[in-house]
N, C-alpha and C. Protein backbone atom coordinates (compact mmCIF):
# COMPACT_ATOMS: atom_id res chain seq x y z
N THR A 1 15.28 20.46 80.30
CA THR A 1 16.79 21.07 79.89
C THR A 1 16.33 20.77 78.20
N GLY A 2 16.00 21.38 77.13
CA GLY A 2 16.13 21.07 75.66
C GLY A 2 16.94 21.41 75.10
N SER A 3 17.52 20.79 74.24
CA SER A 3 18.79 21.22 73.13
C SER A 3 18.26 22.05 71.56
N SER A 4 18.94 23.17 71.38
CA SER A 4 18.01 24.02 70.26
C SER A 4 18.18 23.57 69.15
N LYS A 5 19.05 22.44 69.24
CA LYS A 5 20.18 21.39 67.96
C LYS A 5 19.04 20.53 67.41
N GLU A 6 18.67 20.60 66.19
CA GLU A 6 17.47 19.51 65.80
C GLU A 6 17.85 18.38 65.27
N ARG A 7 17.43 17.22 66.04
CA ARG A 7 17.99 16.06 65.90
C ARG A 7 17.22 14.95 64.82
N ARG A 8 17.97 14.48 64.49
CA ARG A 8 17.57 13.67 63.31
C ARG A 8 17.30 12.55 63.48
N PRO A 9 15.99 12.01 62.60
CA PRO A 9 15.44 10.71 63.43
C PRO A 9 15.97 8.94 63.49
N ALA A 10 16.12 8.44 64.21
CA ALA A 10 16.83 6.95 64.43
C ALA A 10 16.12 6.34 62.76
N ILE A 11 17.35 6.10 61.98
CA ILE A 11 17.17 5.23 60.70
C ILE A 11 17.99 4.42 60.94
N THR A 12 18.72 3.64 62.13
CA THR A 12 19.56 2.74 61.88
C THR A 12 19.24 1.73 61.21
N ARG A 13 17.58 0.79 61.34
CA ARG A 13 17.06 -0.27 60.54
C ARG A 13 16.00 0.05 59.32
N ASP A 14 16.45 1.27 58.72
CA ASP A 14 15.31 1.73 57.73
C ASP A 14 16.60 1.54 56.53
N PRO A 15 16.05 0.04 55.78
CA PRO A 15 16.38 -0.25 54.57
C PRO A 15 15.91 0.68 53.12
N ARG A 16 14.89 1.67 53.56
CA ARG A 16 14.91 2.23 52.36
C ARG A 16 16.29 2.81 51.44
N HIS A 17 16.79 3.23 52.02
CA HIS A 17 17.82 4.05 51.02
C HIS A 17 19.06 2.90 50.72
N ALA A 18 19.05 1.81 51.27
CA ALA A 18 19.58 1.29 50.37
C ALA A 18 19.30 0.22 49.47
N LYS A 19 17.99 0.44 49.22
CA LYS A 19 17.26 -0.11 47.66
C LYS A 19 17.08 0.97 46.92
N ASP A 20 17.45 2.66 47.32
CA ASP A 20 17.83 3.62 46.35
C ASP A 20 18.86 3.67 45.49
N GLU A 21 18.63 2.96 44.03
CA GLU A 21 19.98 2.85 43.17
C GLU A 21 20.71 4.26 43.24
N LYS A 22 20.48 5.21 43.38
CA LYS A 22 21.29 6.31 42.91
C LYS A 22 21.93 6.48 44.36
N VAL A 23 21.37 6.54 45.13
CA VAL A 23 21.87 6.24 46.67
C VAL A 23 23.22 5.39 46.76
N MET A 24 22.93 4.00 45.96
CA MET A 24 23.93 3.53 46.36
C MET A 24 25.08 3.52 44.65
N GLU A 25 24.76 4.23 44.15
CA GLU A 25 25.73 4.39 43.08
C GLU A 25 26.65 5.93 43.75
N VAL A 26 26.02 6.15 44.50
CA VAL A 26 27.23 7.10 45.34
C VAL A 26 28.32 6.63 46.02
N TRP A 27 27.15 5.58 47.37
CA TRP A 27 28.07 4.90 48.37
C TRP A 27 28.96 3.86 48.04
N LYS A 28 29.13 3.24 46.32
CA LYS A 28 30.22 2.91 45.74
C LYS A 28 31.11 3.36 45.50
N CYS A 29 30.87 5.30 45.43
CA CYS A 29 32.06 5.90 45.20
C CYS A 29 33.18 6.05 46.57
N ILE A 30 32.58 5.79 47.81
CA ILE A 30 33.27 5.71 48.78
C ILE A 30 34.31 4.53 48.81
N PRO A 31 35.89 5.45 48.99
CA PRO A 31 36.23 3.91 48.77
C PRO A 31 36.41 3.34 50.02
N THR A 32 36.32 1.88 50.03
CA THR A 32 36.30 0.54 50.93
C THR A 32 36.72 1.15 52.18
N ASP A 33 37.49 1.30 52.42
CA ASP A 33 38.75 1.82 53.78
C ASP A 33 38.02 3.05 54.64
N ARG A 34 37.13 3.94 54.18
CA ARG A 34 36.49 5.14 54.43
C ARG A 34 35.43 4.79 54.93
N ARG A 35 34.41 3.51 54.23
CA ARG A 35 33.33 3.28 54.25
C ARG A 35 32.62 3.05 55.37
N ARG A 36 31.70 3.19 56.56
CA ARG A 36 31.53 3.40 58.10
C ARG A 36 30.57 3.83 58.17
N ASN A 37 29.60 2.74 59.13
CA ASN A 37 28.19 3.00 59.36
C ASN A 37 27.35 3.22 58.27
N ARG A 38 27.07 1.94 57.54
CA ARG A 38 26.41 2.20 56.06
C ARG A 38 24.84 3.02 56.30
N PRO A 39 24.18 2.37 57.32
CA PRO A 39 22.87 3.12 57.60
C PRO A 39 22.86 4.96 57.66
N ILE A 40 23.65 5.28 58.38
CA ILE A 40 23.64 6.52 58.96
C ILE A 40 24.49 7.27 57.13
N THR A 41 25.41 6.53 56.47
CA THR A 41 25.73 6.91 55.68
C THR A 41 24.72 7.34 54.22
N LEU A 42 24.25 6.18 54.42
CA LEU A 42 22.98 6.02 53.15
C LEU A 42 22.14 7.59 53.11
N LEU A 43 21.84 7.73 54.78
CA LEU A 43 21.20 8.68 55.15
C LEU A 43 21.61 9.80 54.26
N ALA A 44 22.84 10.52 54.83
CA ALA A 44 23.33 11.61 54.27
C ALA A 44 23.71 11.78 52.88
N ILE A 45 23.67 10.40 52.17
CA ILE A 45 23.58 10.55 50.64
C ILE A 45 22.12 11.01 50.19
N SER A 46 21.57 10.66 50.94
CA SER A 46 20.37 10.59 50.37
C SER A 46 20.00 11.86 50.30
N ASP A 47 20.35 12.41 51.63
CA ASP A 47 19.66 14.27 51.84
C ASP A 47 20.75 14.58 51.20
N ALA A 48 21.93 14.66 50.78
CA ALA A 48 22.90 15.46 49.86
C ALA A 48 22.48 15.98 48.35
N LEU A 49 21.87 14.06 48.45
CA LEU A 49 21.23 14.20 46.83
C LEU A 49 20.00 15.43 46.40
N GLU A 50 19.84 15.50 47.52
CA GLU A 50 18.14 16.76 47.61
C GLU A 50 19.16 17.93 47.56
N ARG A 51 20.00 18.33 48.37
CA ARG A 51 20.83 19.51 48.74
C ARG A 51 21.45 19.72 47.22
N CYS A 52 21.56 18.73 46.72
CA CYS A 52 22.35 19.15 45.31
C CYS A 52 21.35 19.56 44.63
N MET A 53 20.17 18.72 44.26
CA MET A 53 18.87 18.97 43.36
C MET A 53 18.75 20.43 43.63
N ASP A 54 18.30 20.88 44.92
CA ASP A 54 17.56 22.30 45.34
C ASP A 54 19.04 23.39 45.20
N SER A 55 20.33 23.27 45.29
CA SER A 55 21.24 24.30 45.35
C SER A 55 21.80 24.67 43.99
N LYS A 56 22.05 23.34 42.98
CA LYS A 56 22.70 23.50 42.34
C LYS A 56 21.73 23.21 40.77
N ALA A 57 20.18 23.68 41.31
CA ALA A 57 19.08 23.57 40.37
C ALA A 57 19.59 22.40 38.98
N MET A 58 19.58 21.24 39.73
CA MET A 58 19.47 19.55 39.01
C MET A 58 17.58 19.65 38.54
N GLU A 59 18.05 18.92 37.55
CA GLU A 59 16.52 18.66 36.89
C GLU A 59 16.44 16.90 37.56
N SER A 60 17.33 16.26 37.73
CA SER A 60 17.37 15.01 38.16
C SER A 60 18.20 14.36 39.30
N ARG A 61 17.49 13.53 39.87
CA ARG A 61 18.47 13.02 40.57
C ARG A 61 19.84 11.77 39.88
N SER A 62 19.43 12.01 39.08
CA SER A 62 20.26 11.02 38.60
C SER A 62 21.77 12.15 38.15
N LYS A 63 21.43 13.22 38.02
CA LYS A 63 22.31 14.22 37.48
C LYS A 63 22.90 14.41 38.54
N ALA A 64 21.92 14.54 39.91
CA ALA A 64 23.10 14.78 41.49
C ALA A 64 23.88 13.55 41.70
N SER A 65 23.29 12.58 41.14
CA SER A 65 24.18 11.41 41.67
C SER A 65 25.66 11.10 41.35
N THR A 66 25.42 11.70 39.99
CA THR A 66 26.88 11.72 39.08
C THR A 66 27.83 12.49 39.47
N TRP A 67 26.85 13.91 39.56
CA TRP A 67 27.77 14.85 40.22
C TRP A 67 27.79 15.07 41.64
N LEU A 68 27.47 14.33 42.32
CA LEU A 68 27.85 14.04 43.76
C LEU A 68 28.87 12.80 44.15
N SER A 69 28.97 12.05 42.85
CA SER A 69 30.22 10.82 42.92
C SER A 69 31.63 11.14 42.38
N LYS A 70 30.94 12.35 41.35
CA LYS A 70 32.78 12.99 40.88
C LYS A 70 32.79 13.36 42.48
N ARG A 71 32.42 14.51 42.86
CA ARG A 71 32.91 15.27 44.15
C ARG A 71 33.23 13.84 44.90
N ILE A 72 32.68 13.16 45.62
CA ILE A 72 33.17 12.06 46.81
C ILE A 72 34.94 11.65 45.88
N SER A 73 34.88 11.47 44.69
CA SER A 73 35.96 10.53 44.07
C SER A 73 37.39 11.70 44.25
N LEU A 74 36.59 13.05 43.97
CA LEU A 74 37.59 14.39 44.05
C LEU A 74 38.34 14.40 45.39
N TYR A 75 37.24 13.91 46.15
CA TYR A 75 37.60 14.31 47.83
C TYR A 75 38.19 13.21 48.37
N PHE A 76 38.31 12.02 47.88
CA PHE A 76 38.91 10.63 48.86
C PHE A 76 40.27 10.65 47.51
N GLY A 77 40.15 11.40 46.59
CA GLY A 77 41.54 11.13 46.22
C GLY A 77 42.23 12.64 46.26
N SER A 78 41.91 13.48 46.78
CA SER A 78 42.81 14.63 47.46
C SER A 78 43.64 14.62 48.68
N PRO A 79 44.45 15.92 48.59
CA PRO A 79 45.15 15.34 49.97
C PRO A 79 44.75 15.26 51.20
N GLU A 80 43.92 15.92 51.26
CA GLU A 80 42.80 15.60 52.92
C GLU A 80 42.14 14.62 52.73
N GLY A 81 41.43 14.02 51.63
CA GLY A 81 41.02 13.34 51.79
C GLY A 81 41.66 11.74 51.97
N GLN A 82 42.61 11.87 51.43
CA GLN A 82 44.05 10.49 51.94
C GLN A 82 44.69 10.77 52.99
N GLY A 83 44.19 11.83 53.77
CA GLY A 83 44.94 11.87 55.08
C GLY A 83 45.30 11.61 56.07
N ARG A 84 45.72 11.53 57.28
CA ARG A 84 45.53 10.34 58.13
C ARG A 84 44.15 11.06 59.17
N PHE A 85 44.17 12.70 58.70
CA PHE A 85 42.72 13.39 59.88
C PHE A 85 41.65 13.39 58.57
N HIS A 86 41.29 13.07 57.59
CA HIS A 86 40.49 13.17 56.80
C HIS A 86 38.85 13.12 57.45
N ARG A 87 38.10 13.71 56.71
CA ARG A 87 36.95 13.64 57.36
C ARG A 87 36.12 12.07 56.97
N SER A 88 35.08 11.95 57.84
CA SER A 88 34.42 10.97 57.06
C SER A 88 33.21 10.89 56.34
N ALA A 89 33.51 9.98 55.28
CA ALA A 89 32.27 10.80 54.53
C ALA A 89 31.04 11.05 55.17
N ILE A 90 30.47 10.81 56.53
CA ILE A 90 29.28 11.43 57.46
C ILE A 90 29.16 12.43 57.33
N ARG A 91 30.47 13.14 57.91
CA ARG A 91 30.90 13.96 58.51
C ARG A 91 30.95 15.26 57.20
N TRP A 92 31.64 14.89 56.08
CA TRP A 92 31.76 15.25 54.50
C TRP A 92 30.36 15.52 53.81
N LEU A 93 29.76 14.72 54.24
CA LEU A 93 28.38 15.00 53.19
C LEU A 93 27.42 15.78 54.51
N ASP A 94 27.68 15.79 56.00
CA ASP A 94 26.55 16.97 56.45
C ASP A 94 27.25 18.26 57.03
N GLU A 95 28.86 18.32 55.89
CA GLU A 95 29.15 19.54 56.42
C GLU A 95 29.59 20.09 55.11
N ASP A 96 28.21 19.61 54.12
CA ASP A 96 27.90 19.96 52.61
C ASP A 96 29.58 20.44 51.95
N GLY A 97 30.53 19.05 52.58
CA GLY A 97 31.81 19.35 51.69
C GLY A 97 31.50 19.07 50.42
N TYR A 98 30.68 18.66 49.68
CA TYR A 98 30.62 18.58 47.97
C TYR A 98 30.51 20.17 47.35
N PHE A 99 30.33 20.91 48.26
CA PHE A 99 30.17 22.44 47.57
C PHE A 99 31.48 23.05 48.46
N GLU A 100 32.71 22.62 48.40
CA GLU A 100 33.73 23.35 48.82
C GLU A 100 34.28 23.30 47.38
N GLU A 101 34.98 24.43 47.08
CA GLU A 101 36.06 24.25 45.83
C GLU A 101 37.52 23.01 46.57
N ALA A 102 37.43 22.57 45.54
CA ALA A 102 38.34 21.39 45.22
C ALA A 102 39.69 21.39 45.78
N GLU A 103 40.19 22.64 45.33
CA GLU A 103 41.51 23.08 45.66
C GLU A 103 41.51 23.70 47.03
N ALA A 104 40.28 23.58 47.99
CA ALA A 104 40.90 23.33 49.21
C ALA A 104 41.28 22.57 50.13
N TRP A 105 40.98 21.64 49.45
CA TRP A 105 41.78 19.93 49.93
C TRP A 105 42.91 19.77 49.46
N GLU A 106 43.50 20.25 48.41
CA GLU A 106 44.75 19.91 47.93
C GLU A 106 45.92 20.79 49.13
N GLY A 107 45.48 21.29 49.71
CA GLY A 107 47.03 22.15 50.60
C GLY A 107 46.52 21.59 51.98
N ARG A 108 45.24 20.84 52.20
CA ARG A 108 45.17 19.84 53.78
C ARG A 108 45.90 18.35 53.90
N ASP A 109 46.61 18.19 53.97
CA ASP A 109 47.01 16.64 54.50
C ASP A 109 46.77 16.38 55.89
N ASN A 110 46.74 16.98 56.90
CA ASN A 110 46.09 16.85 58.31
C ASN A 110 47.68 16.14 58.46
N ALA A 111 48.60 15.97 57.82
CA ALA A 111 49.93 15.27 58.61
C ALA A 111 50.12 15.71 60.00
N ASN A 112 49.95 17.16 59.75
CA ASN A 112 50.72 17.53 61.18
C ASN A 112 49.79 18.37 62.11
N SER A 113 48.22 17.45 61.53
CA SER A 113 47.26 18.30 62.47
C SER A 113 46.70 17.42 63.58
N SER A 114 46.76 17.84 65.13
CA SER A 114 45.95 17.54 65.75
C SER A 114 44.79 17.66 66.57
N PHE A 115 44.11 16.83 67.00
CA PHE A 115 42.53 17.14 67.49
C PHE A 115 42.30 16.94 68.89
C-alpha cells in the first residue's frame, strides 16, 4: 500500500545547507527559543528561498533571503508567533506562511486554542 504523498529525502546528515550563507542568515532570524531540528529547518529555509525567488520574481538569492528574514521576524514578533500554540519554523516554512498577510497573524494569539 503506497501513499500518494510525496516524501522528502532524508537529509539529516547533509551539511550542505549549513554552509549556505543565505540559509544561515535566515536561520539566525528565528528566535533562539523557537529553533528546533536544525537540519530539517535549514532544508525548509533553502526550499523557501527557491519558492520566494519563483513566486516573487526575485532576481537574486540575496534579495530572497532578506525578504524571508523580514517575514520570519514579523511572524515571530506577531501575536500568533509569540503565542503558546505558534507554528514551528519548519511548519510555517512548509506551509508557505511567509506568503500570508501579516495582518492574519495579528488576531491569532492562540491563547484559547486547543489541538
